[in-house]
Amino acid sequence: GPIVFPRFDSLIVTPVAPHTLAIRPSILPPDLEVRLEVEDAPEEVLVTVDGQSGTALGAGQSLHIRRASQPVHLVRFGESTF
C-alpha cells in the first residue's frame, strides 16, 4: 500500500494481489463512504478487511465502507519514524 504521513486523516483502500497494474491503492477523504458492488461475476468474490477472515459476495451484493467513529491506537517501538 501507499506510505501515508501518520497525522494525515484518510481512508485507504488497497486491493490484495490485483491481477493488473491498473488497480492501485486509493487514498480517499476520511468522510467518504465507499460502496463496492459485485455486478456479473461467474464466481463469488472474496472480500477480506484488515487481514481478517474473508467474506464471499455474490452478484448483486454490495459492501459499504466508512471510517469508524473511534480511532485505532497502534503500538510504536523505539524512536523510528514512519
Protein backbone atom coordinates (compact mmCIF):
# COMPACT_ATOMS: atom_id res chain seq x y z
CA GLY A 1 0.00 0.00 0.00
CA PRO A 2 0.95 3.65 -0.05
CA ILE A 3 3.15 5.37 2.51
CA VAL A 4 0.96 7.96 4.23
CA PHE A 5 2.07 10.58 6.75
CA PRO A 6 0.83 9.38 10.19
CA ARG A 7 -1.19 12.53 11.02
CA PHE A 8 -2.90 12.63 7.62
CA ASP A 9 -6.59 11.74 8.06
CA SER A 10 -7.54 9.39 5.27
CA LEU A 11 -9.34 6.24 4.23
CA ILE A 12 -7.03 3.88 2.33
CA VAL A 13 -8.39 1.15 0.06
CA THR A 14 -5.70 -1.33 -1.01
CA PRO A 15 -6.51 -4.26 -3.31
CA VAL A 16 -4.77 -7.51 -2.39
CA ALA A 17 -2.95 -9.33 -5.22
CA PRO A 18 -4.58 -7.47 -8.13
CA HIS A 19 -4.17 -9.15 -11.49
CA THR A 20 -3.32 -5.94 -13.30
CA LEU A 21 -1.14 -2.94 -12.52
CA ALA A 22 -4.11 -0.68 -13.31
CA ILE A 23 -5.61 -1.48 -9.89
CA ARG A 24 -3.81 0.76 -7.38
CA PRO A 25 -4.29 1.69 -3.73
CA SER A 26 -6.57 4.69 -3.25
CA ILE A 27 -6.15 7.41 -0.62
CA LEU A 28 -9.56 8.96 -0.01
CA PRO A 29 -11.02 11.70 2.22
CA PRO A 30 -11.87 10.34 5.70
CA ASP A 31 -15.58 11.29 5.48
CA LEU A 32 -16.20 9.43 2.20
CA GLU A 33 -18.27 6.24 2.11
CA VAL A 34 -17.05 3.66 -0.42
CA ARG A 35 -19.54 1.24 -1.96
CA LEU A 36 -18.27 -1.88 -3.71
CA GLU A 37 -20.85 -3.78 -5.74
CA VAL A 38 -20.47 -7.14 -7.43
CA GLU A 39 -22.05 -6.98 -10.87
CA ASP A 40 -21.93 -10.03 -13.15
CA ALA A 41 -19.40 -12.44 -11.70
CA PRO A 42 -19.08 -16.09 -12.72
CA GLU A 43 -17.98 -16.93 -9.16
CA GLU A 44 -18.19 -15.42 -5.71
CA VAL A 45 -15.88 -12.51 -4.92
CA LEU A 46 -13.87 -12.84 -1.71
CA VAL A 47 -13.54 -9.68 0.40
CA THR A 48 -11.00 -9.51 3.24
CA VAL A 49 -10.92 -6.47 5.53
CA ASP A 50 -7.84 -5.66 7.64
CA GLY A 51 -6.40 -9.15 7.12
CA GLN A 52 -9.29 -10.85 8.91
CA SER A 53 -11.40 -13.79 7.69
CA GLY A 54 -12.79 -13.34 4.20
CA THR A 55 -16.44 -13.00 3.25
CA ALA A 56 -17.89 -14.08 -0.08
CA LEU A 57 -20.11 -11.69 -2.05
CA GLY A 58 -22.29 -12.82 -4.92
CA ALA A 59 -23.72 -10.97 -7.92
CA GLY A 60 -25.89 -8.02 -6.86
CA GLN A 61 -24.45 -7.80 -3.35
CA SER A 62 -22.57 -4.74 -2.11
CA LEU A 63 -20.22 -3.69 0.65
CA HIS A 64 -20.26 -0.22 2.25
CA ILE A 65 -17.04 1.06 3.83
CA ARG A 66 -16.73 4.12 6.05
CA ARG A 67 -14.40 5.42 8.72
CA ALA A 68 -15.07 4.18 12.24
CA SER A 69 -16.23 6.68 14.85
CA GLN A 70 -13.37 5.67 17.21
CA PRO A 71 -9.64 5.84 16.34
CA VAL A 72 -7.35 2.81 16.37
CA HIS A 73 -4.39 3.05 18.75
CA LEU A 74 -1.22 1.47 17.37
CA VAL A 75 1.85 0.29 19.26
CA ARG A 76 5.11 2.00 18.34
CA PHE A 77 8.54 0.61 19.14
CA GLY A 78 11.57 2.78 19.74
CA GLU A 79 12.33 6.10 18.12
CA SER A 80 11.82 5.03 14.48
CA THR A 81 9.84 7.31 12.21
CA PHE A 82 7.32 6.31 9.60
